[in-house]
Amino acid sequence: MAFRINEECISCGLCEATCPNECISEVDGVFVIDESKCAGDICKECVDMCPVGAIEPAE
């Protein structure tokens, strides 16, 4: 299952810098995850790095 970034994101950019699949990018000042590239449950590096818990499983 892929992840998504919710509205609690503070746009710190740690998730983008941490993602080994380079699936996180900033779009109009908001970070988003390309779910087609996200390794989801296998990786979770962005989830562990987020200081505000703004990354959650995508529905």
N, C-alpha and C. Protein backbone atom coordinates (compact mmCIF):
# COMPACT_ATOMS: atom_id res chain seq x y z
N MET A 1 0.85 -1.19 0.00
CA MET A 1 0.00 0.00 0.00
C MET A 1 0.89 1.25 0.00
N ALA A 2 0.60 2.17 -0.84
CA ALA A 2 1.33 3.42 -0.94
C ALA A 2 0.92 4.37 0.19
N PHE A 3 1.67 5.44 0.32
CA PHE A 3 1.38 6.46 1.32
C PHE A 3 0.98 7.77 0.66
N ARG A 4 0.39 8.65 1.44
CA ARG A 4 0.05 10.00 0.98
C ARG A 4 0.39 10.98 2.09
N ILE A 5 0.53 12.24 1.74
CA ILE A 5 0.83 13.29 2.70
C ILE A 5 -0.44 14.07 2.96
N ASN A 6 -0.82 14.17 4.22
CA ASN A 6 -2.07 14.85 4.57
C ASN A 6 -1.85 16.34 4.86
N GLU A 7 -2.92 17.03 5.22
CA GLU A 7 -2.90 18.48 5.43
C GLU A 7 -2.10 18.93 6.64
N GLU A 8 -1.65 18.00 7.47
CA GLU A 8 -0.82 18.36 8.63
C GLU A 8 0.63 18.65 8.24
N CYS A 9 0.98 18.42 6.98
CA CYS A 9 2.33 18.65 6.47
C CYS A 9 2.76 20.10 6.71
N ILE A 10 4.01 20.24 7.22
CA ILE A 10 4.55 21.58 7.46
C ILE A 10 5.55 21.99 6.37
N SER A 11 5.63 21.21 5.31
CA SER A 11 6.49 21.49 4.15
C SER A 11 7.97 21.63 4.52
N CYS A 12 8.44 20.78 5.41
CA CYS A 12 9.85 20.84 5.82
C CYS A 12 10.77 20.20 4.78
N GLY A 13 10.25 19.29 3.95
CA GLY A 13 11.04 18.66 2.90
C GLY A 13 11.84 17.45 3.32
N LEU A 14 11.76 17.04 4.58
CA LEU A 14 12.52 15.87 5.03
C LEU A 14 12.10 14.60 4.30
N CYS A 15 10.83 14.46 4.02
CA CYS A 15 10.35 13.26 3.32
C CYS A 15 10.94 13.16 1.92
N GLU A 16 10.98 14.27 1.23
CA GLU A 16 11.51 14.28 -0.14
C GLU A 16 12.99 13.88 -0.13
N ALA A 17 13.73 14.41 0.81
CA ALA A 17 15.16 14.12 0.91
C ALA A 17 15.42 12.67 1.31
N THR A 18 14.50 12.06 2.02
CA THR A 18 14.66 10.70 2.54
C THR A 18 14.23 9.61 1.57
N CYS A 19 13.30 9.90 0.70
CA CYS A 19 12.68 8.88 -0.16
C CYS A 19 13.69 8.24 -1.12
N PRO A 20 13.95 6.92 -0.98
CA PRO A 20 14.91 6.27 -1.88
C PRO A 20 14.36 6.07 -3.30
N ASN A 21 13.05 6.15 -3.46
CA ASN A 21 12.43 5.96 -4.77
C ASN A 21 12.17 7.27 -5.50
N GLU A 22 12.51 8.38 -4.88
CA GLU A 22 12.31 9.71 -5.46
C GLU A 22 10.88 9.92 -5.93
N CYS A 23 9.93 9.49 -5.11
CA CYS A 23 8.52 9.62 -5.49
C CYS A 23 7.82 10.79 -4.80
N ILE A 24 8.57 11.56 -4.01
CA ILE A 24 7.99 12.71 -3.32
C ILE A 24 8.53 13.98 -3.97
N SER A 25 7.63 14.90 -4.26
CA SER A 25 8.03 16.17 -4.85
C SER A 25 7.16 17.29 -4.32
N GLU A 26 7.65 18.50 -4.51
CA GLU A 26 6.90 19.68 -4.08
C GLU A 26 6.15 20.25 -5.28
N VAL A 27 4.86 20.44 -5.11
CA VAL A 27 4.01 20.99 -6.15
C VAL A 27 3.24 22.17 -5.56
N ASP A 28 3.50 23.35 -6.04
CA ASP A 28 2.84 24.57 -5.56
C ASP A 28 2.94 24.72 -4.05
N GLY A 29 4.13 24.42 -3.50
CA GLY A 29 4.37 24.61 -2.06
C GLY A 29 3.87 23.49 -1.17
N VAL A 30 3.35 22.43 -1.78
CA VAL A 30 2.82 21.29 -1.03
C VAL A 30 3.54 20.02 -1.49
N PHE A 31 3.94 19.18 -0.55
CA PHE A 31 4.61 17.94 -0.92
C PHE A 31 3.58 16.86 -1.23
N VAL A 32 3.85 16.09 -2.28
CA VAL A 32 2.94 15.03 -2.71
C VAL A 32 3.76 13.77 -3.02
N ILE A 33 3.10 12.61 -2.90
CA ILE A 33 3.73 11.33 -3.18
C ILE A 33 3.12 10.76 -4.46
N ASP A 34 3.97 10.37 -5.39
CA ASP A 34 3.52 9.67 -6.59
C ASP A 34 3.28 8.22 -6.16
N GLU A 35 2.03 7.87 -5.95
CA GLU A 35 1.68 6.56 -5.41
C GLU A 35 2.12 5.41 -6.32
N SER A 36 2.29 5.67 -7.61
CA SER A 36 2.71 4.62 -8.53
C SER A 36 4.18 4.23 -8.32
N LYS A 37 4.96 5.10 -7.69
CA LYS A 37 6.38 4.83 -7.43
C LYS A 37 6.65 4.44 -5.98
N CYS A 38 5.68 4.66 -5.10
CA CYS A 38 5.86 4.45 -3.66
C CYS A 38 5.94 2.96 -3.33
N ALA A 39 6.96 2.56 -2.56
CA ALA A 39 7.14 1.16 -2.16
C ALA A 39 6.30 0.82 -0.93
N GLY A 40 5.61 1.79 -0.38
CA GLY A 40 4.67 1.58 0.71
C GLY A 40 5.18 0.80 1.89
N ASP A 41 4.52 -0.28 2.23
CA ASP A 41 4.83 -1.06 3.43
C ASP A 41 6.26 -1.61 3.43
N ILE A 42 6.88 -1.72 2.28
CA ILE A 42 8.24 -2.24 2.21
C ILE A 42 9.25 -1.20 2.71
N CYS A 43 8.96 0.05 2.51
CA CYS A 43 9.92 1.12 2.78
C CYS A 43 9.64 1.86 4.09
N LYS A 44 8.67 2.73 4.11
CA LYS A 44 8.25 3.55 5.26
C LYS A 44 9.30 4.55 5.76
N GLU A 45 10.33 4.84 4.96
CA GLU A 45 11.35 5.79 5.41
C GLU A 45 10.77 7.18 5.62
N CYS A 46 9.88 7.61 4.74
CA CYS A 46 9.28 8.94 4.88
C CYS A 46 8.39 9.02 6.12
N VAL A 47 7.69 7.93 6.41
CA VAL A 47 6.81 7.89 7.58
C VAL A 47 7.64 8.07 8.85
N ASP A 48 8.76 7.37 8.92
CA ASP A 48 9.63 7.45 10.09
C ASP A 48 10.29 8.82 10.22
N MET A 49 10.53 9.49 9.11
CA MET A 49 11.24 10.78 9.12
C MET A 49 10.31 11.96 9.42
N CYS A 50 9.03 11.87 9.11
CA CYS A 50 8.12 13.02 9.23
C CYS A 50 7.98 13.44 10.70
N PRO A 51 8.32 14.71 11.00
CA PRO A 51 8.27 15.18 12.40
C PRO A 51 6.87 15.44 12.92
N VAL A 52 5.89 15.51 12.04
CA VAL A 52 4.51 15.80 12.48
C VAL A 52 3.53 14.68 12.17
N GLY A 53 4.00 13.56 11.68
CA GLY A 53 3.12 12.43 11.39
C GLY A 53 2.13 12.70 10.28
N ALA A 54 2.55 13.44 9.26
CA ALA A 54 1.64 13.83 8.18
C ALA A 54 1.57 12.83 7.04
N ILE A 55 2.27 11.70 7.16
CA ILE A 55 2.26 10.72 6.08
C ILE A 55 1.48 9.50 6.56
N GLU A 56 0.48 9.12 5.75
CA GLU A 56 -0.42 8.04 6.14
C GLU A 56 -0.69 7.13 4.95
N PRO A 57 -1.21 5.93 5.20
CA PRO A 57 -1.54 5.05 4.09
C PRO A 57 -2.57 5.69 3.15
N ALA A 58 -2.33 5.54 1.87
CA ALA A 58 -3.29 6.04 0.88
C ALA A 58 -4.49 5.13 0.84
N GLU A 59 -5.63 5.68 0.58
CA GLU A 59 -6.85 4.89 0.54
C GLU A 59 -7.16 4.44 -0.85
